[in-house]
Amino acid sequence: MKIGDVVRFTPKKDALIIGGMKDYRRMGTILGFDSYSATNETLIEVLWDTGSLDWILQSRVEVVCEGR
């Protein structure tokens, strides 16, 4: 994974409802990386197809199209 890659959100079956609201994120573009020090997991910053900008665990997305 690298900046510019297009990713698809791959939620668990029970993860589509977050805080009582349906999660409409599906596809997005990676804008940055960071790490979550408590668990040493990689976080990625994604601009989603909904127009929202958000951080998500790298393990919760898959690359659909690699950027240049």
C-alpha atoms as a PDB file:
ATOM      1  CA  MET A   1       0.000   0.000   0.000  1.00  0.00           C
ATOM      2  CA  LYS A   2       1.151   3.502  -0.785  1.00  0.00           C
ATOM      3  CA  ILE A   3      -0.177   7.046  -1.039  1.00  0.00           C
ATOM      4  CA  GLY A   4      -2.482   7.383  -4.056  1.00  0.00           C
ATOM      5  CA  ASP A   5      -3.739   3.789  -4.018  1.00  0.00           C
ATOM      6  CA  VAL A   6      -7.493   3.275  -4.252  1.00  0.00           C
ATOM      7  CA  VAL A   7      -8.790   1.053  -1.452  1.00  0.00           C
ATOM      8  CA  ARG A   8     -12.060  -0.684  -0.637  1.00  0.00           C
ATOM      9  CA  PHE A   9     -13.477  -0.818   2.887  1.00  0.00           C
ATOM     10  CA  THR A  10     -13.820  -4.452   3.975  1.00  0.00           C
ATOM     11  CA  PRO A  11     -15.961  -4.363   7.125  1.00  0.00           C
ATOM     12  CA  LYS A  12     -16.879  -7.279   9.292  1.00  0.00           C
ATOM     13  CA  LYS A  13     -20.548  -8.246   8.975  1.00  0.00           C
ATOM     14  CA  ASP A  14     -21.458  -6.473  12.218  1.00  0.00           C
ATOM     15  CA  ALA A  15     -19.342  -3.368  11.514  1.00  0.00           C
ATOM     16  CA  LEU A  16     -21.713  -1.618   9.095  1.00  0.00           C
ATOM     17  CA  ILE A  17     -23.513   0.107  11.962  1.00  0.00           C
ATOM     18  CA  ILE A  18     -21.277   2.544  13.833  1.00  0.00           C
ATOM     19  CA  GLY A  19     -22.759   4.624  16.635  1.00  0.00           C
ATOM     20  CA  GLY A  20     -26.263   3.825  15.422  1.00  0.00           C
ATOM     21  CA  MET A  21     -25.538   5.102  11.915  1.00  0.00           C
ATOM     22  CA  LYS A  22     -24.924   3.068   8.785  1.00  0.00           C
ATOM     23  CA  ASP A  23     -21.355   3.322   7.497  1.00  0.00           C
ATOM     24  CA  TYR A  24     -21.482   4.311   3.822  1.00  0.00           C
ATOM     25  CA  ARG A  25     -17.717   4.320   3.184  1.00  0.00           C
ATOM     26  CA  ARG A  26     -16.868   1.978   0.331  1.00  0.00           C
ATOM     27  CA  MET A  27     -13.957   3.245  -1.804  1.00  0.00           C
ATOM     28  CA  GLY A  28     -11.296   5.840  -1.137  1.00  0.00           C
ATOM     29  CA  THR A  29      -7.820   7.154  -1.878  1.00  0.00           C
ATOM     30  CA  ILE A  30      -4.928   6.831   0.566  1.00  0.00           C
ATOM     31  CA  LEU A  31      -3.539  10.204   1.642  1.00  0.00           C
ATOM     32  CA  GLY A  32      -1.200   9.259   4.475  1.00  0.00           C
ATOM     33  CA  PHE A  33       0.086   6.733   7.010  1.00  0.00           C
ATOM     34  CA  ASP A  34       0.596   6.665  10.761  1.00  0.00           C
ATOM     35  CA  SER A  35       0.937   4.026  13.467  1.00  0.00           C
ATOM     36  CA  TYR A  36      -1.161   3.240  16.505  1.00  0.00           C
ATOM     37  CA  SER A  37       1.454   2.852  19.233  1.00  0.00           C
ATOM     38  CA  ALA A  38      -0.742   0.895  21.677  1.00  0.00           C
ATOM     39  CA  THR A  39      -1.009  -2.080  19.297  1.00  0.00           C
ATOM     40  CA  ASN A  40       1.678  -1.206  16.728  1.00  0.00           C
ATOM     41  CA  GLU A  41      -0.909  -1.311  13.916  1.00  0.00           C
ATOM     42  CA  THR A  42      -0.707   0.850  10.802  1.00  0.00           C
ATOM     43  CA  LEU A  43      -3.366   3.513  10.295  1.00  0.00           C
ATOM     44  CA  ILE A  44      -4.092   5.030   6.901  1.00  0.00           C
ATOM     45  CA  GLU A  45      -5.715   8.372   6.163  1.00  0.00           C
ATOM     46  CA  VAL A  46      -8.337   7.955   3.440  1.00  0.00           C
ATOM     47  CA  LEU A  47     -10.434  10.384   1.405  1.00  0.00           C
ATOM     48  CA  TRP A  48     -13.641   8.356   1.025  1.00  0.00           C
ATOM     49  CA  ASP A  49     -16.157   8.353  -1.816  1.00  0.00           C
ATOM     50  CA  THR A  50     -18.584  10.048   0.597  1.00  0.00           C
ATOM     51  CA  GLY A  51     -16.288  13.096   0.706  1.00  0.00           C
ATOM     52  CA  SER A  52     -15.218  12.431   4.296  1.00  0.00           C
ATOM     53  CA  LEU A  53     -11.600  12.267   5.418  1.00  0.00           C
ATOM     54  CA  ASP A  54     -10.899   9.642   8.067  1.00  0.00           C
ATOM     55  CA  TRP A  55      -8.285   7.344   9.608  1.00  0.00           C
ATOM     56  CA  ILE A  56      -8.791   3.576   9.486  1.00  0.00           C
ATOM     57  CA  LEU A  57      -6.727   0.502  10.324  1.00  0.00           C
ATOM     58  CA  GLN A  58      -4.846  -0.778   7.280  1.00  0.00           C
ATOM     59  CA  SER A  59      -6.163  -4.269   7.997  1.00  0.00           C
ATOM     60  CA  ARG A  60      -9.744  -3.077   7.335  1.00  0.00           C
ATOM     61  CA  VAL A  61      -9.156  -2.152   3.681  1.00  0.00           C
ATOM     62  CA  GLU A  62      -7.876  -3.815   0.525  1.00  0.00           C
ATOM     63  CA  VAL A  63      -6.126  -2.251  -2.466  1.00  0.00           C
ATOM     64  CA  VAL A  64      -8.348  -2.106  -5.567  1.00  0.00           C
ATOM     65  CA  CYS A  65      -6.116  -0.039  -7.854  1.00  0.00           C
ATOM     66  CA  GLU A  66      -2.503   0.958  -7.316  1.00  0.00           C
ATOM     67  CA  GLY A  67      -1.539   4.605  -7.812  1.00  0.00           C
ATOM     68  CA  ARG A  68       1.429   5.495  -9.982  1.00  0.00           C
END
